[in-house]
Amino acid sequence: MEQEAHVLVGRMPRSDTVGPRLTIWESNRLVVIVGGVGKVAGALATQFACDVFKPRCVLTIGLAGALDTKTKPGQVVVAASAVQHDLDGRPLTEGRGIIPTLGIGTIPSNPAVSDTLLRAARYKSEDAHAGLVLTGDQIVTSKAVRDALARDFPNGACLDMETAAVAQVAYQNDVPWSGLRVVSDSADETFDLKGVIGFGVDTAANLFESIIQTVVDEL
């Protein structure tokens, strides 16, 4: 969402490139595309970026839900890998999350890109860590649903709606990728949309900007 990117693009000019209902900013080092919410939106923006801008790497940023009540807002998660928790191609596949056309489920990020992001993230947040991002086309606001996902994917670090889709497109285009997510809520009945959006505007957006600007020359 634009609220998550507004600090990052604050000094960047709008791009002259016209995309399919995408909002784009472009500098000589960085292209920022606000693609929208959900897997289709993430995939569309990523394929457009690969086709038009030929990036050295792709990063997906945004808010995330926690997988337990102990995780507090502000926790930074760098995507070491991602999986679509709501994809179920059985009996074409052996289990949930596996992409039938590829035969894989968990898509690893590029280690060099993720390590660079993690080093920068730890300067801003001491408890930043890398992990598996669980992606699905739903905002989880139920403890029962959240806990079921945590049981099904015990290595999961957080929940979001785009990372695994971005990962699949980058993987199929042979473009290195990683992701940067900031936990905004507990993915349970305490979810408050106004509070989450406010957190994205006031806190997460500044984290995204400071971390990305720190690493943009290295990537």
N, C-alpha and C. Protein backbone atom coordinates (compact mmCIF):
# COMPACT_ATOMS: atom_id res chain seq x y z
N MET A 1 0.84 -1.20 0.00
CA MET A 1 0.00 0.00 0.00
C MET A 1 0.87 1.24 0.00
N GLU A 2 0.32 2.33 -0.51
CA GLU A 2 1.09 3.56 -0.58
C GLU A 2 1.45 4.08 0.81
N GLN A 3 0.59 3.79 1.81
CA GLN A 3 0.89 4.21 3.18
C GLN A 3 2.18 3.60 3.69
N GLU A 4 2.48 2.38 3.26
CA GLU A 4 3.69 1.69 3.70
C GLU A 4 4.94 2.23 3.02
N ALA A 5 4.78 2.81 1.83
CA ALA A 5 5.93 3.24 1.03
C ALA A 5 6.14 4.75 1.05
N HIS A 6 5.29 5.51 1.74
CA HIS A 6 5.30 6.96 1.54
C HIS A 6 6.61 7.61 1.97
N VAL A 7 7.27 7.09 3.00
CA VAL A 7 8.55 7.68 3.41
C VAL A 7 9.65 7.29 2.43
N LEU A 8 9.65 6.04 2.00
CA LEU A 8 10.65 5.56 1.05
C LEU A 8 10.66 6.36 -0.23
N VAL A 9 9.49 6.75 -0.71
CA VAL A 9 9.41 7.45 -2.00
C VAL A 9 9.32 8.96 -1.82
N GLY A 10 9.50 9.44 -0.59
CA GLY A 10 9.30 10.86 -0.31
C GLY A 10 10.13 11.79 -1.17
N ARG A 11 11.36 11.37 -1.52
CA ARG A 11 12.24 12.22 -2.32
C ARG A 11 12.45 11.67 -3.72
N MET A 12 11.65 10.71 -4.11
CA MET A 12 11.79 10.10 -5.43
C MET A 12 10.76 10.68 -6.39
N PRO A 13 11.13 10.89 -7.64
CA PRO A 13 10.15 11.38 -8.63
C PRO A 13 9.26 10.25 -9.12
N ARG A 14 8.05 10.61 -9.50
CA ARG A 14 7.17 9.64 -10.13
C ARG A 14 7.78 9.19 -11.45
N SER A 15 7.63 7.92 -11.76
CA SER A 15 8.17 7.37 -13.00
C SER A 15 7.29 7.76 -14.18
N ASP A 16 7.92 7.94 -15.33
CA ASP A 16 7.18 8.17 -16.57
C ASP A 16 6.62 6.88 -17.15
N THR A 17 7.08 5.75 -16.61
CA THR A 17 6.61 4.46 -17.09
C THR A 17 5.17 4.23 -16.65
N VAL A 18 4.35 3.82 -17.58
CA VAL A 18 2.94 3.59 -17.29
C VAL A 18 2.72 2.09 -17.15
N GLY A 19 2.21 1.68 -16.00
CA GLY A 19 1.94 0.27 -15.75
C GLY A 19 0.45 0.01 -15.65
N PRO A 20 0.06 -1.25 -15.51
CA PRO A 20 -1.36 -1.62 -15.41
C PRO A 20 -1.93 -1.25 -14.04
N ARG A 21 -2.31 0.01 -13.90
CA ARG A 21 -2.86 0.55 -12.66
C ARG A 21 -1.88 0.38 -11.50
N LEU A 22 -0.60 0.63 -11.78
CA LEU A 22 0.45 0.59 -10.77
C LEU A 22 0.95 2.01 -10.52
N THR A 23 1.28 2.29 -9.28
CA THR A 23 1.90 3.56 -8.93
C THR A 23 3.39 3.32 -8.80
N ILE A 24 4.19 4.10 -9.56
CA ILE A 24 5.61 3.81 -9.69
C ILE A 24 6.44 5.06 -9.45
N TRP A 25 7.51 4.89 -8.67
CA TRP A 25 8.53 5.93 -8.48
C TRP A 25 9.85 5.36 -8.97
N GLU A 26 10.72 6.22 -9.50
CA GLU A 26 11.95 5.70 -10.10
C GLU A 26 13.10 6.69 -9.89
N SER A 27 14.22 6.18 -9.37
CA SER A 27 15.46 6.94 -9.29
C SER A 27 16.52 6.16 -10.06
N ASN A 28 17.76 6.62 -10.00
CA ASN A 28 18.80 5.92 -10.76
C ASN A 28 19.23 4.62 -10.08
N ARG A 29 18.80 4.39 -8.84
CA ARG A 29 19.19 3.16 -8.13
C ARG A 29 18.01 2.29 -7.75
N LEU A 30 16.83 2.87 -7.70
CA LEU A 30 15.71 2.19 -7.07
C LEU A 30 14.42 2.47 -7.81
N VAL A 31 13.63 1.44 -8.01
CA VAL A 31 12.26 1.57 -8.52
C VAL A 31 11.33 1.05 -7.45
N VAL A 32 10.34 1.84 -7.09
CA VAL A 32 9.34 1.43 -6.11
C VAL A 32 7.99 1.34 -6.80
N ILE A 33 7.37 0.17 -6.71
CA ILE A 33 6.05 -0.05 -7.31
C ILE A 33 5.07 -0.40 -6.21
N VAL A 34 3.99 0.36 -6.11
CA VAL A 34 2.90 0.01 -5.20
C VAL A 34 1.90 -0.80 -6.02
N GLY A 35 1.87 -2.10 -5.75
CA GLY A 35 1.06 -2.98 -6.57
C GLY A 35 -0.32 -3.24 -6.04
N GLY A 36 -0.52 -3.03 -4.72
CA GLY A 36 -1.81 -3.32 -4.13
C GLY A 36 -1.73 -4.50 -3.19
N VAL A 37 -2.88 -5.00 -2.79
CA VAL A 37 -2.97 -6.02 -1.76
C VAL A 37 -3.34 -7.38 -2.38
N GLY A 38 -2.66 -8.43 -1.96
CA GLY A 38 -3.00 -9.77 -2.40
C GLY A 38 -2.01 -10.37 -3.36
N LYS A 39 -2.14 -11.69 -3.57
CA LYS A 39 -1.16 -12.42 -4.37
C LYS A 39 -1.18 -12.01 -5.84
N VAL A 40 -2.35 -11.82 -6.41
CA VAL A 40 -2.41 -11.42 -7.82
C VAL A 40 -1.77 -10.05 -8.02
N ALA A 41 -2.05 -9.13 -7.11
CA ALA A 41 -1.46 -7.79 -7.19
C ALA A 41 0.05 -7.86 -7.08
N GLY A 42 0.55 -8.66 -6.14
CA GLY A 42 2.00 -8.80 -5.98
C GLY A 42 2.65 -9.42 -7.19
N ALA A 43 2.01 -10.45 -7.75
CA ALA A 43 2.56 -11.12 -8.93
C ALA A 43 2.57 -10.19 -10.14
N LEU A 44 1.48 -9.45 -10.33
CA LEU A 44 1.39 -8.53 -11.46
C LEU A 44 2.49 -7.47 -11.40
N ALA A 45 2.68 -6.87 -10.23
CA ALA A 45 3.70 -5.82 -10.08
C ALA A 45 5.10 -6.39 -10.30
N THR A 46 5.33 -7.60 -9.81
CA THR A 46 6.65 -8.20 -9.95
C THR A 46 6.97 -8.55 -11.39
N GLN A 47 6.01 -9.12 -12.11
CA GLN A 47 6.26 -9.45 -13.51
C GLN A 47 6.47 -8.18 -14.33
N PHE A 48 5.70 -7.13 -14.02
CA PHE A 48 5.90 -5.86 -14.72
C PHE A 48 7.30 -5.32 -14.46
N ALA A 49 7.75 -5.39 -13.20
CA ALA A 49 9.09 -4.93 -12.86
C ALA A 49 10.15 -5.72 -13.61
N CYS A 50 9.99 -7.04 -13.68
CA CYS A 50 10.97 -7.87 -14.38
C CYS A 50 11.00 -7.57 -15.87
N ASP A 51 9.84 -7.36 -16.46
CA ASP A 51 9.76 -7.13 -17.91
C ASP A 51 10.30 -5.74 -18.30
N VAL A 52 9.98 -4.74 -17.50
CA VAL A 52 10.25 -3.36 -17.90
C VAL A 52 11.57 -2.84 -17.34
N PHE A 53 11.86 -3.12 -16.08
CA PHE A 53 13.00 -2.50 -15.42
C PHE A 53 14.23 -3.41 -15.32
N LYS A 54 14.08 -4.70 -15.61
CA LYS A 54 15.20 -5.65 -15.57
C LYS A 54 16.01 -5.49 -14.28
N PRO A 55 15.39 -5.69 -13.13
CA PRO A 55 16.06 -5.40 -11.86
C PRO A 55 17.17 -6.40 -11.53
N ARG A 56 18.17 -5.92 -10.77
CA ARG A 56 19.20 -6.82 -10.25
C ARG A 56 18.62 -7.73 -9.18
N CYS A 57 17.65 -7.22 -8.43
CA CYS A 57 16.94 -8.04 -7.45
C CYS A 57 15.58 -7.41 -7.18
N VAL A 58 14.71 -8.20 -6.58
CA VAL A 58 13.36 -7.75 -6.24
C VAL A 58 13.18 -7.88 -4.73
N LEU A 59 12.68 -6.83 -4.10
CA LEU A 59 12.36 -6.85 -2.68
C LEU A 59 10.87 -6.58 -2.51
N THR A 60 10.23 -7.33 -1.66
CA THR A 60 8.84 -7.04 -1.32
C THR A 60 8.79 -6.54 0.12
N ILE A 61 8.11 -5.44 0.34
CA ILE A 61 8.01 -4.86 1.69
C ILE A 61 6.54 -4.69 2.06
N GLY A 62 6.28 -4.68 3.36
CA GLY A 62 4.91 -4.47 3.81
C GLY A 62 4.70 -4.94 5.23
N LEU A 63 3.48 -4.82 5.69
CA LEU A 63 3.12 -5.24 7.03
C LEU A 63 2.86 -6.74 7.07
N ALA A 64 2.82 -7.28 8.29
CA ALA A 64 2.58 -8.71 8.46
C ALA A 64 1.85 -8.95 9.77
N GLY A 65 1.19 -10.09 9.85
CA GLY A 65 0.57 -10.53 11.09
C GLY A 65 1.48 -11.50 11.82
N ALA A 66 1.43 -11.47 13.14
CA ALA A 66 2.24 -12.39 13.95
C ALA A 66 1.62 -13.77 13.96
N LEU A 67 2.42 -14.76 14.30
CA LEU A 67 1.92 -16.12 14.42
C LEU A 67 1.72 -16.54 15.87
N ASP A 68 1.94 -15.63 16.79
CA ASP A 68 1.64 -15.88 18.19
C ASP A 68 1.47 -14.55 18.90
N THR A 69 0.88 -14.58 20.07
CA THR A 69 0.58 -13.35 20.81
C THR A 69 1.82 -12.76 21.47
N LYS A 70 2.92 -13.50 21.51
CA LYS A 70 4.15 -13.00 22.14
C LYS A 70 4.88 -12.01 21.26
N THR A 71 4.66 -12.10 19.96
CA THR A 71 5.33 -11.21 19.02
C THR A 71 4.65 -9.84 19.03
N LYS A 72 5.40 -8.80 19.30
CA LYS A 72 4.85 -7.46 19.42
C LYS A 72 4.98 -6.68 18.11
N PRO A 73 4.12 -5.71 17.89
CA PRO A 73 4.25 -4.85 16.71
C PRO A 73 5.64 -4.22 16.65
N GLY A 74 6.18 -4.17 15.45
CA GLY A 74 7.51 -3.63 15.26
C GLY A 74 8.56 -4.68 14.98
N GLN A 75 8.22 -5.95 15.22
CA GLN A 75 9.15 -7.04 14.91
C GLN A 75 9.44 -7.04 13.41
N VAL A 76 10.72 -7.05 13.05
CA VAL A 76 11.13 -7.05 11.65
C VAL A 76 11.49 -8.47 11.23
N VAL A 77 10.89 -8.91 10.12
CA VAL A 77 11.16 -10.24 9.58
C VAL A 77 11.71 -10.08 8.15
N VAL A 78 12.87 -10.64 7.93
CA VAL A 78 13.43 -10.72 6.58
C VAL A 78 13.07 -12.09 6.02
N ALA A 79 12.55 -12.12 4.82
CA ALA A 79 12.11 -13.38 4.21
C ALA A 79 13.30 -14.24 3.81
N ALA A 80 13.49 -15.35 4.53
CA ALA A 80 14.45 -16.36 4.10
C ALA A 80 13.83 -17.28 3.07
N SER A 81 12.50 -17.36 3.13
CA SER A 81 11.74 -18.18 2.18
C SER A 81 10.28 -17.80 2.32
N ALA A 82 9.45 -18.33 1.43
CA ALA A 82 8.02 -18.02 1.47
C ALA A 82 7.23 -19.18 0.89
N VAL A 83 5.99 -19.32 1.37
CA VAL A 83 5.10 -20.38 0.89
C VAL A 83 3.68 -19.85 0.87
N GLN A 84 2.87 -20.32 -0.07
CA GLN A 84 1.45 -19.96 -0.14
C GLN A 84 0.66 -20.92 0.76
N HIS A 85 0.28 -20.45 1.93
CA HIS A 85 -0.39 -21.35 2.88
C HIS A 85 -1.80 -21.74 2.43
N ASP A 86 -2.39 -20.97 1.53
CA ASP A 86 -3.76 -21.26 1.08
C ASP A 86 -3.81 -21.97 -0.27
N LEU A 87 -2.66 -22.37 -0.79
CA LEU A 87 -2.62 -23.11 -2.05
C LEU A 87 -2.67 -24.61 -1.74
N ASP A 88 -3.66 -25.29 -2.29
CA ASP A 88 -3.81 -26.72 -2.04
C ASP A 88 -4.14 -27.42 -3.35
N GLY A 89 -3.13 -27.96 -4.00
CA GLY A 89 -3.31 -28.61 -5.29
C GLY A 89 -3.48 -30.11 -5.20
N ARG A 90 -3.66 -30.63 -3.99
CA ARG A 90 -3.88 -32.09 -3.86
C ARG A 90 -5.16 -32.51 -4.61
N PRO A 91 -5.19 -33.61 -5.32
CA PRO A 91 -4.17 -34.66 -5.41
C PRO A 91 -3.11 -34.45 -6.49
N LEU A 92 -3.07 -33.30 -7.13
CA LEU A 92 -2.00 -33.05 -8.10
C LEU A 92 -0.65 -32.97 -7.40
N THR A 93 -0.64 -32.56 -6.15
CA THR A 93 0.59 -32.45 -5.37
C THR A 93 0.48 -33.31 -4.12
N GLU A 94 1.58 -33.40 -3.41
CA GLU A 94 1.61 -34.23 -2.22
C GLU A 94 1.15 -33.49 -0.96
N GLY A 95 1.06 -32.17 -1.02
CA GLY A 95 0.68 -31.46 0.19
C GLY A 95 0.33 -30.01 -0.09
N ARG A 96 -0.14 -29.33 0.93
CA ARG A 96 -0.51 -27.91 0.84
C ARG A 96 0.72 -27.07 0.54
N GLY A 97 0.48 -26.00 -0.20
CA GLY A 97 1.54 -25.05 -0.49
C GLY A 97 2.38 -25.37 -1.69
N ILE A 98 2.32 -26.60 -2.17
CA ILE A 98 3.15 -26.99 -3.31
C ILE A 98 2.52 -26.48 -4.61
N ILE A 99 3.33 -25.84 -5.44
CA ILE A 99 2.86 -25.28 -6.70
C ILE A 99 2.87 -26.39 -7.75
N PRO A 100 1.71 -26.78 -8.28
CA PRO A 100 1.68 -27.94 -9.18
C PRO A 100 2.61 -27.84 -10.37
N THR A 101 2.70 -26.68 -10.99
CA THR A 101 3.51 -26.55 -12.20
C THR A 101 5.01 -26.57 -11.92
N LEU A 102 5.40 -26.31 -10.67
CA LEU A 102 6.81 -26.26 -10.32
C LEU A 102 7.25 -27.43 -9.45
N GLY A 103 6.30 -28.04 -8.76
CA GLY A 103 6.64 -29.15 -7.88
C GLY A 103 7.35 -28.74 -6.61
N ILE A 104 7.31 -27.48 -6.26
CA ILE A 104 7.92 -26.99 -5.02
C ILE A 104 6.90 -26.13 -4.29
N GLY A 105 7.10 -25.97 -3.00
CA GLY A 105 6.22 -25.12 -2.21
C GLY A 105 6.96 -23.94 -1.63
N THR A 106 7.90 -24.24 -0.77
CA THR A 106 8.70 -23.19 -0.14
C THR A 106 9.76 -22.70 -1.12
N ILE A 107 9.73 -21.40 -1.39
CA ILE A 107 10.68 -20.79 -2.33
C ILE A 107 11.71 -20.01 -1.54
N PRO A 108 12.97 -20.41 -1.58
CA PRO A 108 14.00 -19.71 -0.80
C PRO A 108 14.35 -18.37 -1.44
N SER A 109 14.65 -17.41 -0.60
CA SER A 109 15.13 -16.13 -1.10
C SER A 109 16.61 -16.25 -1.44
N ASN A 110 17.14 -15.23 -2.06
CA ASN A 110 18.56 -15.20 -2.38
C ASN A 110 19.36 -14.95 -1.09
N PRO A 111 20.26 -15.85 -0.70
CA PRO A 111 20.96 -15.69 0.58
C PRO A 111 21.73 -14.39 0.72
N ALA A 112 22.40 -13.96 -0.35
CA ALA A 112 23.18 -12.72 -0.27
C ALA A 112 22.28 -11.51 -0.05
N VAL A 113 21.16 -11.48 -0.76
CA VAL A 113 20.23 -10.36 -0.60
C VAL A 113 19.62 -10.37 0.80
N SER A 114 19.19 -11.54 1.26
CA SER A 114 18.58 -11.64 2.58
C SER A 114 19.57 -11.29 3.68
N ASP A 115 20.81 -11.76 3.56
CA ASP A 115 21.82 -11.44 4.58
C ASP A 115 22.09 -9.94 4.64
N THR A 116 22.14 -9.30 3.49
CA THR A 116 22.36 -7.86 3.45
C THR A 116 21.20 -7.12 4.12
N LEU A 117 19.98 -7.53 3.81
CA LEU A 117 18.81 -6.93 4.44
C LEU A 117 18.82 -7.15 5.95
N LEU A 118 19.16 -8.35 6.37
CA LEU A 118 19.13 -8.68 7.80
C LEU A 118 20.15 -7.87 8.57
N ARG A 119 21.33 -7.70 8.02
CA ARG A 119 22.34 -6.88 8.71
C ARG A 119 21.84 -5.46 8.91
N ALA A 120 21.25 -4.90 7.87
CA ALA A 120 20.72 -3.54 7.98
C ALA A 120 19.55 -3.48 8.95
N ALA A 121 18.69 -4.50 8.92
CA ALA A 121 17.52 -4.51 9.79
C ALA A 121 17.92 -4.57 11.25
N ARG A 122 19.00 -5.28 11.56
CA ARG A 122 19.42 -5.42 12.95
C ARG A 122 20.00 -4.14 13.53
N TYR A 123 20.43 -3.23 12.67
CA TYR A 123 20.85 -1.91 13.15
C TYR A 123 19.64 -1.09 13.62
N LYS A 124 18.49 -1.38 13.05
CA LYS A 124 17.27 -0.63 13.37
C LYS A 124 16.41 -1.34 14.41
N SER A 125 16.53 -2.66 14.45
CA SER A 125 15.70 -3.46 15.36
C SER A 125 16.52 -4.67 15.80
N GLU A 126 16.91 -4.70 17.07
CA GLU A 126 17.82 -5.74 17.55
C GLU A 126 17.24 -7.14 17.40
N ASP A 127 15.92 -7.27 17.47
CA ASP A 127 15.32 -8.60 17.39
C ASP A 127 14.89 -8.98 15.97
N ALA A 128 15.36 -8.24 14.98
CA ALA A 128 15.08 -8.60 13.59
C ALA A 128 15.65 -9.99 13.30
N HIS A 129 14.92 -10.78 12.54
CA HIS A 129 15.39 -12.12 12.22
C HIS A 129 14.85 -12.54 10.86
N ALA A 130 15.46 -13.58 10.31
CA ALA A 130 15.02 -14.12 9.03
C ALA A 130 14.14 -15.34 9.27
N GLY A 131 13.19 -15.56 8.37
CA GLY A 131 12.30 -16.70 8.57
C GLY A 131 11.40 -16.94 7.37
N LEU A 132 10.53 -17.93 7.54
CA LEU A 132 9.58 -18.32 6.51
C LEU A 132 8.32 -17.46 6.59
N VAL A 133 7.97 -16.81 5.49
CA VAL A 133 6.77 -15.98 5.42
C VAL A 133 5.63 -16.82 4.84
N LEU A 134 4.51 -16.84 5.55
CA LEU A 134 3.32 -17.56 5.08
C LEU A 134 2.39 -16.58 4.39
N THR A 135 2.11 -16.83 3.12
CA THR A 135 1.33 -15.90 2.32
C THR A 135 -0.02 -16.51 1.94
N GLY A 136 -1.07 -15.72 2.07
CA GLY A 136 -2.39 -16.15 1.64
C GLY A 136 -3.28 -14.97 1.35
N ASP A 137 -4.33 -15.19 0.58
CA ASP A 137 -5.24 -14.11 0.20
C ASP A 137 -6.30 -13.87 1.27
N GLN A 138 -5.84 -13.59 2.48
CA GLN A 138 -6.76 -13.26 3.55
C GLN A 138 -6.01 -12.49 4.64
N ILE A 139 -6.71 -11.55 5.25
CA ILE A 139 -6.21 -10.92 6.46
C ILE A 139 -6.69 -11.78 7.62
N VAL A 140 -5.76 -12.38 8.33
CA VAL A 140 -6.12 -13.28 9.41
C VAL A 140 -6.46 -12.47 10.66
N THR A 141 -7.69 -12.63 11.13
CA THR A 141 -8.17 -11.91 12.32
C THR A 141 -8.80 -12.87 13.31
N SER A 142 -8.39 -14.12 13.26
CA SER A 142 -8.94 -15.15 14.12
C SER A 142 -7.81 -15.95 14.76
N LYS A 143 -7.81 -16.04 16.07
CA LYS A 143 -6.79 -16.81 16.77
C LYS A 143 -6.82 -18.27 16.33
N ALA A 144 -8.02 -18.81 16.14
CA ALA A 144 -8.14 -20.21 15.73
C ALA A 144 -7.49 -20.45 14.37
N VAL A 145 -7.75 -19.54 13.43
CA VAL A 145 -7.15 -19.67 12.09
C VAL A 145 -5.65 -19.50 12.18
N ARG A 146 -5.21 -18.47 12.91
CA ARG A 146 -3.77 -18.22 13.07
C ARG A 146 -3.06 -19.43 13.67
N ASP A 147 -3.60 -19.98 14.73
CA ASP A 147 -2.96 -21.10 15.41
C ASP A 147 -2.94 -22.35 14.54
N ALA A 148 -3.98 -22.53 13.72
CA ALA A 148 -4.00 -23.66 12.80
C ALA A 148 -2.89 -23.53 11.76
N LEU A 149 -2.67 -22.33 11.27
CA LEU A 149 -1.59 -22.10 10.32
C LEU A 149 -0.23 -22.33 10.97
N ALA A 150 -0.10 -21.91 12.22
CA ALA A 150 1.16 -22.13 12.94
C ALA A 150 1.44 -23.62 13.12
N ARG A 151 0.38 -24.40 13.32
CA ARG A 151 0.57 -25.85 13.44
C ARG A 151 0.91 -26.48 12.09
N ASP A 152 0.26 -26.02 11.04
CA ASP A 152 0.49 -26.58 9.71
C ASP A 152 1.87 -26.21 9.17
N PHE A 153 2.35 -25.02 9.55
CA PHE A 153 3.64 -24.53 9.08
C PHE A 153 4.46 -24.10 10.30
N PRO A 154 5.00 -25.05 11.06
CA PRO A 154 5.64 -24.74 12.33
C PRO A 154 6.89 -23.87 12.21
N ASN A 155 7.46 -23.77 11.03
CA ASN A 155 8.64 -22.91 10.84
C ASN A 155 8.26 -21.49 10.43
N GLY A 156 6.98 -21.19 10.36
CA GLY A 156 6.54 -19.87 9.92
C GLY A 156 6.96 -18.77 10.86
N ALA A 157 7.29 -17.61 10.28
CA ALA A 157 7.71 -16.44 11.06
C ALA A 157 6.64 -15.37 11.12
N CYS A 158 5.82 -15.25 10.07
CA CYS A 158 4.77 -14.22 10.05
C CYS A 158 3.82 -14.53 8.90
N LEU A 159 2.73 -13.77 8.85
CA LEU A 159 1.69 -13.93 7.83
C LEU A 159 1.60 -12.68 6.98
N ASP A 160 1.47 -12.85 5.66
CA ASP A 160 1.21 -11.69 4.82
C ASP A 160 0.40 -12.12 3.60
N MET A 161 0.26 -11.22 2.63
CA MET A 161 -0.61 -11.47 1.49
C MET A 161 0.08 -11.38 0.14
N GLU A 162 1.42 -11.16 0.10
CA GLU A 162 2.08 -10.98 -1.18
C GLU A 162 3.40 -11.73 -1.35
N THR A 163 4.16 -11.97 -0.28
CA THR A 163 5.55 -12.37 -0.43
C THR A 163 5.74 -13.61 -1.28
N ALA A 164 4.97 -14.68 -1.04
CA ALA A 164 5.18 -15.92 -1.80
C ALA A 164 4.83 -15.75 -3.27
N ALA A 165 3.90 -14.86 -3.58
CA ALA A 165 3.57 -14.60 -4.98
C ALA A 165 4.72 -13.87 -5.67
N VAL A 166 5.28 -12.87 -4.99
CA VAL A 166 6.45 -12.17 -5.52
C VAL A 166 7.60 -13.15 -5.69
N ALA A 167 7.77 -14.04 -4.70
CA ALA A 167 8.85 -15.02 -4.76
C ALA A 167 8.72 -15.94 -5.96
N GLN A 168 7.50 -16.41 -6.23
CA GLN A 168 7.31 -17.31 -7.36
C GLN A 168 7.63 -16.63 -8.68
N VAL A 169 7.17 -15.41 -8.86
CA VAL A 169 7.44 -14.69 -10.11
C VAL A 169 8.93 -14.43 -10.26
N ALA A 170 9.58 -13.99 -9.19
CA ALA A 170 11.02 -13.75 -9.26
C ALA A 170 11.77 -15.04 -9.57
N TYR A 171 11.37 -16.12 -8.92
CA TYR A 171 12.00 -17.43 -9.14
C TYR A 171 11.88 -17.86 -10.60
N GLN A 172 10.70 -17.69 -11.17
CA GLN A 172 10.49 -18.12 -12.54
C GLN A 172 11.16 -17.20 -13.55
N ASN A 173 11.53 -16.00 -13.12
CA ASN A 173 12.28 -15.07 -13.97
C ASN A 173 13.78 -15.09 -13.67
N ASP A 174 14.21 -15.98 -12.76
CA ASP A 174 15.62 -16.07 -12.38
C ASP A 174 16.17 -14.74 -11.86
N VAL A 175 15.34 -14.04 -11.08
CA VAL A 175 15.75 -12.78 -10.46
C VAL A 175 15.89 -13.00 -8.96
N PRO A 176 17.02 -12.65 -8.36
CA PRO A 176 17.17 -12.77 -6.91
C PRO A 176 16.11 -11.96 -6.18
N TRP A 177 15.62 -12.50 -5.08
CA TRP A 177 14.56 -11.80 -4.35
C TRP A 177 14.75 -11.97 -2.84
N SER A 178 14.12 -11.10 -2.10
CA SER A 178 13.93 -11.27 -0.65
C SER A 178 12.78 -10.36 -0.25
N GLY A 179 12.48 -10.36 1.03
CA GLY A 179 11.35 -9.57 1.51
C GLY A 179 11.64 -8.98 2.88
N LEU A 180 10.95 -7.90 3.17
CA LEU A 180 11.10 -7.21 4.44
C LEU A 180 9.70 -6.93 4.98
N ARG A 181 9.39 -7.55 6.11
CA ARG A 181 8.06 -7.41 6.69
C ARG A 181 8.16 -6.90 8.12
N VAL A 182 7.25 -6.04 8.49
CA VAL A 182 7.17 -5.52 9.86
C VAL A 182 5.83 -5.95 10.45
N VAL A 183 5.89 -6.65 11.58
CA VAL A 183 4.68 -7.15 12.22
C VAL A 183 3.86 -5.98 12.75
N SER A 184 2.58 -5.96 12.40
CA SER A 184 1.70 -4.86 12.80
C SER A 184 0.59 -5.29 13.75
N ASP A 185 0.35 -6.62 13.87
CA ASP A 185 -0.80 -7.07 14.65
C ASP A 185 -0.62 -8.53 15.02
N SER A 186 -1.51 -9.03 15.87
CA SER A 186 -1.42 -10.40 16.37
C SER A 186 -2.24 -11.40 15.56
N ALA A 187 -2.82 -10.96 14.45
CA ALA A 187 -3.62 -11.84 13.60
C ALA A 187 -4.69 -12.59 14.39
N ASP A 188 -5.36 -11.86 15.27
CA ASP A 188 -6.43 -12.45 16.07
C ASP A 188 -7.58 -11.45 16.21
N GLU A 189 -8.46 -11.69 17.15
CA GLU A 189 -9.66 -10.87 17.29
C GLU A 189 -9.37 -9.44 17.76
N THR A 190 -8.13 -9.17 18.17
CA THR A 190 -7.77 -7.80 18.57
C THR A 190 -7.43 -6.92 17.37
N PHE A 191 -7.47 -7.48 16.16
CA PHE A 191 -7.10 -6.73 14.96
C PHE A 191 -7.94 -5.46 14.85
N ASP A 192 -7.25 -4.33 14.64
CA ASP A 192 -7.91 -3.03 14.50
C ASP A 192 -7.38 -2.36 13.24
N LEU A 193 -8.21 -2.27 12.20
CA LEU A 193 -7.74 -1.78 10.92
C LEU A 193 -7.16 -0.37 11.01
N LYS A 194 -7.85 0.52 11.71
CA LYS A 194 -7.35 1.90 11.82
C LYS A 194 -6.00 1.93 12.50
N GLY A 195 -5.84 1.13 13.55
CA GLY A 195 -4.57 1.08 14.25
C GLY A 195 -3.46 0.50 13.39
N VAL A 196 -3.77 -0.53 12.63
CA VAL A 196 -2.78 -1.15 11.76
C VAL A 196 -2.32 -0.18 10.67
N ILE A 197 -3.27 0.51 10.04
CA ILE A 197 -2.90 1.49 9.01
C ILE A 197 -2.07 2.62 9.62
N GLY A 198 -2.46 3.08 10.79
CA GLY A 198 -1.69 4.12 11.47
C GLY A 198 -0.28 3.67 11.78
N PHE A 199 -0.14 2.43 12.22
CA PHE A 199 1.18 1.88 12.50
C PHE A 199 2.01 1.83 11.22
N GLY A 200 1.38 1.45 10.11
CA GLY A 200 2.08 1.40 8.84
C GLY A 200 2.59 2.76 8.40
N VAL A 201 1.77 3.78 8.60
CA VAL A 201 2.14 5.14 8.20
C VAL A 201 3.21 5.72 9.11
N ASP A 202 3.06 5.52 10.41
CA ASP A 202 3.90 6.23 11.39
C ASP A 202 5.16 5.49 11.78
N THR A 203 5.14 4.18 11.77
CA THR A 203 6.28 3.40 12.28
C THR A 203 6.92 2.54 11.21
N ALA A 204 6.15 1.65 10.60
CA ALA A 204 6.71 0.72 9.63
C ALA A 204 7.30 1.44 8.42
N ALA A 205 6.64 2.49 7.96
CA ALA A 205 7.13 3.20 6.77
C ALA A 205 8.53 3.75 7.00
N ASN A 206 8.80 4.24 8.19
CA ASN A 206 10.13 4.75 8.50
C ASN A 206 11.17 3.63 8.56
N LEU A 207 10.77 2.48 9.08
CA LEU A 207 11.68 1.33 9.09
C LEU A 207 12.03 0.89 7.68
N PHE A 208 11.01 0.79 6.83
CA PHE A 208 11.26 0.39 5.44
C PHE A 208 12.25 1.34 4.77
N GLU A 209 12.02 2.62 4.94
CA GLU A 209 12.88 3.61 4.29
C GLU A 209 14.32 3.52 4.79
N SER A 210 14.50 3.45 6.09
CA SER A 210 15.85 3.45 6.65
C SER A 210 16.61 2.19 6.26
N ILE A 211 15.94 1.05 6.27
CA ILE A 211 16.61 -0.21 5.92
C ILE A 211 16.94 -0.27 4.43
N ILE A 212 15.96 0.05 3.59
CA ILE A 212 16.18 -0.03 2.14
C ILE A 212 17.26 0.95 1.69
N GLN A 213 17.22 2.16 2.19
CA GLN A 213 18.22 3.16 1.78
C GLN A 213 19.61 2.76 2.24
N THR A 214 19.70 2.02 3.35
CA THR A 214 21.00 1.56 3.83
C THR A 214 21.64 0.55 2.88
N VAL A 215 20.82 -0.28 2.24
CA VAL A 215 21.36 -1.39 1.44
C VAL A 215 21.28 -1.18 -0.06
N VAL A 216 20.63 -0.12 -0.52
CA VAL A 216 20.34 0.00 -1.94
C VAL A 216 21.62 0.00 -2.79
N ASP A 217 22.71 0.59 -2.29
CA ASP A 217 23.95 0.60 -3.07
C ASP A 217 24.61 -0.78 -3.12
N GLU A 218 24.41 -1.58 -2.06
CA GLU A 218 25.02 -2.92 -2.03
C GLU A 218 24.30 -3.90 -2.95
N LEU A 219 23.02 -3.65 -3.18
CA LEU A 219 22.24 -4.59 -3.96
C LEU A 219 22.25 -4.23 -5.45
